[in-house]
């Protein structure tokens, strides 16, 4: 494999949610909103689950088009489907 396609072993994946960033964004956007102590973690988890569903649906769209690469059109089509499902 080429060196550009491999991930270096020295780079560590962050295991913690960016709690300070999330709290700051919530305070800036909705200062009147009162969250529980771990409410920001639930929001972070919800975002991760949404991105995971979006990636799976995009991969499915790419496979249906017999394309190995997920492009912008696949993600946009998947976003429409996922947002309709998550509306409830």
C-alpha atoms as a PDB file:
ATOM      1  CA  UNK A   1       0.000   0.000   0.000  1.00  0.00           C
ATOM      2  CA  UNK A   2       1.059   3.534  -0.580  1.00  0.00           C
ATOM      3  CA  UNK A   3       2.011   5.568   2.454  1.00  0.00           C
ATOM      4  CA  UNK A   4      -0.723   8.111   1.716  1.00  0.00           C
ATOM      5  CA  UNK A   5      -3.492   5.529   2.161  1.00  0.00           C
ATOM      6  CA  UNK A   6      -2.318   4.154   5.504  1.00  0.00           C
ATOM      7  CA  UNK A   7      -2.981   5.725   8.872  1.00  0.00           C
ATOM      8  CA  UNK A   8       0.051   6.273  11.047  1.00  0.00           C
ATOM      9  CA  UNK A   9       0.131   4.284  14.262  1.00  0.00           C
ATOM     10  CA  UNK A  10       1.215   7.341  16.290  1.00  0.00           C
ATOM     11  CA  UNK A  11      -2.063   9.183  15.842  1.00  0.00           C
ATOM     12  CA  UNK A  12      -4.415   8.432  18.721  1.00  0.00           C
ATOM     13  CA  UNK A  13      -8.181   8.576  18.406  1.00  0.00           C
ATOM     14  CA  UNK A  14      -9.844  10.736  21.021  1.00  0.00           C
ATOM     15  CA  UNK A  15     -11.967   8.645  23.355  1.00  0.00           C
ATOM     16  CA  UNK A  16     -13.756  11.519  25.044  1.00  0.00           C
ATOM     17  CA  UNK A  17     -16.587  13.697  23.835  1.00  0.00           C
ATOM     18  CA  UNK A  18     -15.723  17.402  23.360  1.00  0.00           C
ATOM     19  CA  UNK A  19     -17.799  18.455  26.369  1.00  0.00           C
ATOM     20  CA  UNK A  20     -16.431  21.974  26.775  1.00  0.00           C
ATOM     21  CA  UNK A  21     -17.025  22.760  23.124  1.00  0.00           C
ATOM     22  CA  UNK A  22     -20.570  21.392  23.235  1.00  0.00           C
ATOM     23  CA  UNK A  23     -21.450  23.341  26.369  1.00  0.00           C
ATOM     24  CA  UNK A  24     -20.033  26.551  24.894  1.00  0.00           C
ATOM     25  CA  UNK A  25     -22.035  26.116  21.683  1.00  0.00           C
ATOM     26  CA  UNK A  26     -25.219  25.457  23.634  1.00  0.00           C
ATOM     27  CA  UNK A  27     -24.695  28.554  25.761  1.00  0.00           C
ATOM     28  CA  UNK A  28     -24.029  30.724  22.698  1.00  0.00           C
ATOM     29  CA  UNK A  29     -26.951  29.449  20.636  1.00  0.00           C
ATOM     30  CA  UNK A  30     -29.542  28.913  23.381  1.00  0.00           C
ATOM     31  CA  UNK A  31     -28.538  30.770  26.565  1.00  0.00           C
ATOM     32  CA  UNK A  32     -31.931  30.139  28.191  1.00  0.00           C
ATOM     33  CA  UNK A  33     -31.665  26.352  27.674  1.00  0.00           C
ATOM     34  CA  UNK A  34     -31.026  24.437  30.870  1.00  0.00           C
ATOM     35  CA  UNK A  35     -29.416  21.051  30.296  1.00  0.00           C
ATOM     36  CA  UNK A  36     -28.817  18.296  32.798  1.00  0.00           C
ATOM     37  CA  UNK A  37     -25.224  17.618  33.814  1.00  0.00           C
ATOM     38  CA  UNK A  38     -24.801  14.937  31.161  1.00  0.00           C
ATOM     39  CA  UNK A  39     -27.242  16.311  28.590  1.00  0.00           C
ATOM     40  CA  UNK A  40     -24.407  17.343  26.298  1.00  0.00           C
ATOM     41  CA  UNK A  41     -23.248  13.719  26.147  1.00  0.00           C
ATOM     42  CA  UNK A  42     -26.683  12.636  24.963  1.00  0.00           C
ATOM     43  CA  UNK A  43     -26.578  15.275  22.220  1.00  0.00           C
ATOM     44  CA  UNK A  44     -23.109  14.101  21.205  1.00  0.00           C
ATOM     45  CA  UNK A  45     -24.283  10.480  21.101  1.00  0.00           C
ATOM     46  CA  UNK A  46     -27.293  11.471  18.996  1.00  0.00           C
ATOM     47  CA  UNK A  47     -25.000  13.229  16.497  1.00  0.00           C
ATOM     48  CA  UNK A  48     -22.734  10.189  16.267  1.00  0.00           C
ATOM     49  CA  UNK A  49     -25.677   7.880  15.670  1.00  0.00           C
ATOM     50  CA  UNK A  50     -27.022  10.189  12.962  1.00  0.00           C
ATOM     51  CA  UNK A  51     -23.646  10.260  11.201  1.00  0.00           C
ATOM     52  CA  UNK A  52     -23.420   6.461  11.432  1.00  0.00           C
ATOM     53  CA  UNK A  53     -26.888   6.042   9.868  1.00  0.00           C
ATOM     54  CA  UNK A  54     -25.995   8.582   7.192  1.00  0.00           C
ATOM     55  CA  UNK A  55     -22.792   6.710   6.330  1.00  0.00           C
ATOM     56  CA  UNK A  56     -24.615   3.372   6.084  1.00  0.00           C
ATOM     57  CA  UNK A  57     -27.342   4.792   3.851  1.00  0.00           C
ATOM     58  CA  UNK A  58     -24.754   6.547   1.667  1.00  0.00           C
ATOM     59  CA  UNK A  59     -22.830   3.290   1.289  1.00  0.00           C
ATOM     60  CA  UNK A  60     -26.046   1.527   0.288  1.00  0.00           C
ATOM     61  CA  UNK A  61     -26.754   4.203  -2.340  1.00  0.00           C
ATOM     62  CA  UNK A  62     -23.229   3.883  -3.710  1.00  0.00           C
ATOM     63  CA  UNK A  63     -23.562   0.088  -3.942  1.00  0.00           C
ATOM     64  CA  UNK A  64     -26.865   0.427  -5.784  1.00  0.00           C
ATOM     65  CA  UNK A  65     -25.145   2.675  -8.334  1.00  0.00           C
ATOM     66  CA  UNK A  66     -22.290   0.147  -8.587  1.00  0.00           C
ATOM     67  CA  UNK A  67     -19.882   2.837  -7.479  1.00  0.00           C
ATOM     68  CA  UNK A  68     -16.980   2.169  -5.126  1.00  0.00           C
ATOM     69  CA  UNK A  69     -16.700   5.769  -3.975  1.00  0.00           C
ATOM     70  CA  UNK A  70     -19.364   7.561  -1.954  1.00  0.00           C
ATOM     71  CA  UNK A  71     -19.854  10.935  -3.594  1.00  0.00           C
ATOM     72  CA  UNK A  72     -21.878  14.029  -2.800  1.00  0.00           C
ATOM     73  CA  UNK A  73     -25.026  12.804  -4.550  1.00  0.00           C
ATOM     74  CA  UNK A  74     -25.100   9.607  -2.494  1.00  0.00           C
ATOM     75  CA  UNK A  75     -24.805  11.564   0.764  1.00  0.00           C
ATOM     76  CA  UNK A  76     -27.510  14.072  -0.212  1.00  0.00           C
ATOM     77  CA  UNK A  77     -29.933  11.311  -1.182  1.00  0.00           C
ATOM     78  CA  UNK A  78     -29.194   9.495   2.069  1.00  0.00           C
ATOM     79  CA  UNK A  79     -29.657  12.688   4.086  1.00  0.00           C
ATOM     80  CA  UNK A  80     -33.164  13.148   2.701  1.00  0.00           C
ATOM     81  CA  UNK A  81     -34.114   9.609   3.704  1.00  0.00           C
ATOM     82  CA  UNK A  82     -32.514   9.747   7.155  1.00  0.00           C
ATOM     83  CA  UNK A  83     -34.016  13.146   7.993  1.00  0.00           C
ATOM     84  CA  UNK A  84     -37.489  11.929   7.023  1.00  0.00           C
ATOM     85  CA  UNK A  85     -37.063   8.874   9.252  1.00  0.00           C
ATOM     86  CA  UNK A  86     -35.761  10.864  12.204  1.00  0.00           C
ATOM     87  CA  UNK A  87     -38.576  13.417  12.087  1.00  0.00           C
ATOM     88  CA  UNK A  88     -40.881  10.976  13.787  1.00  0.00           C
END
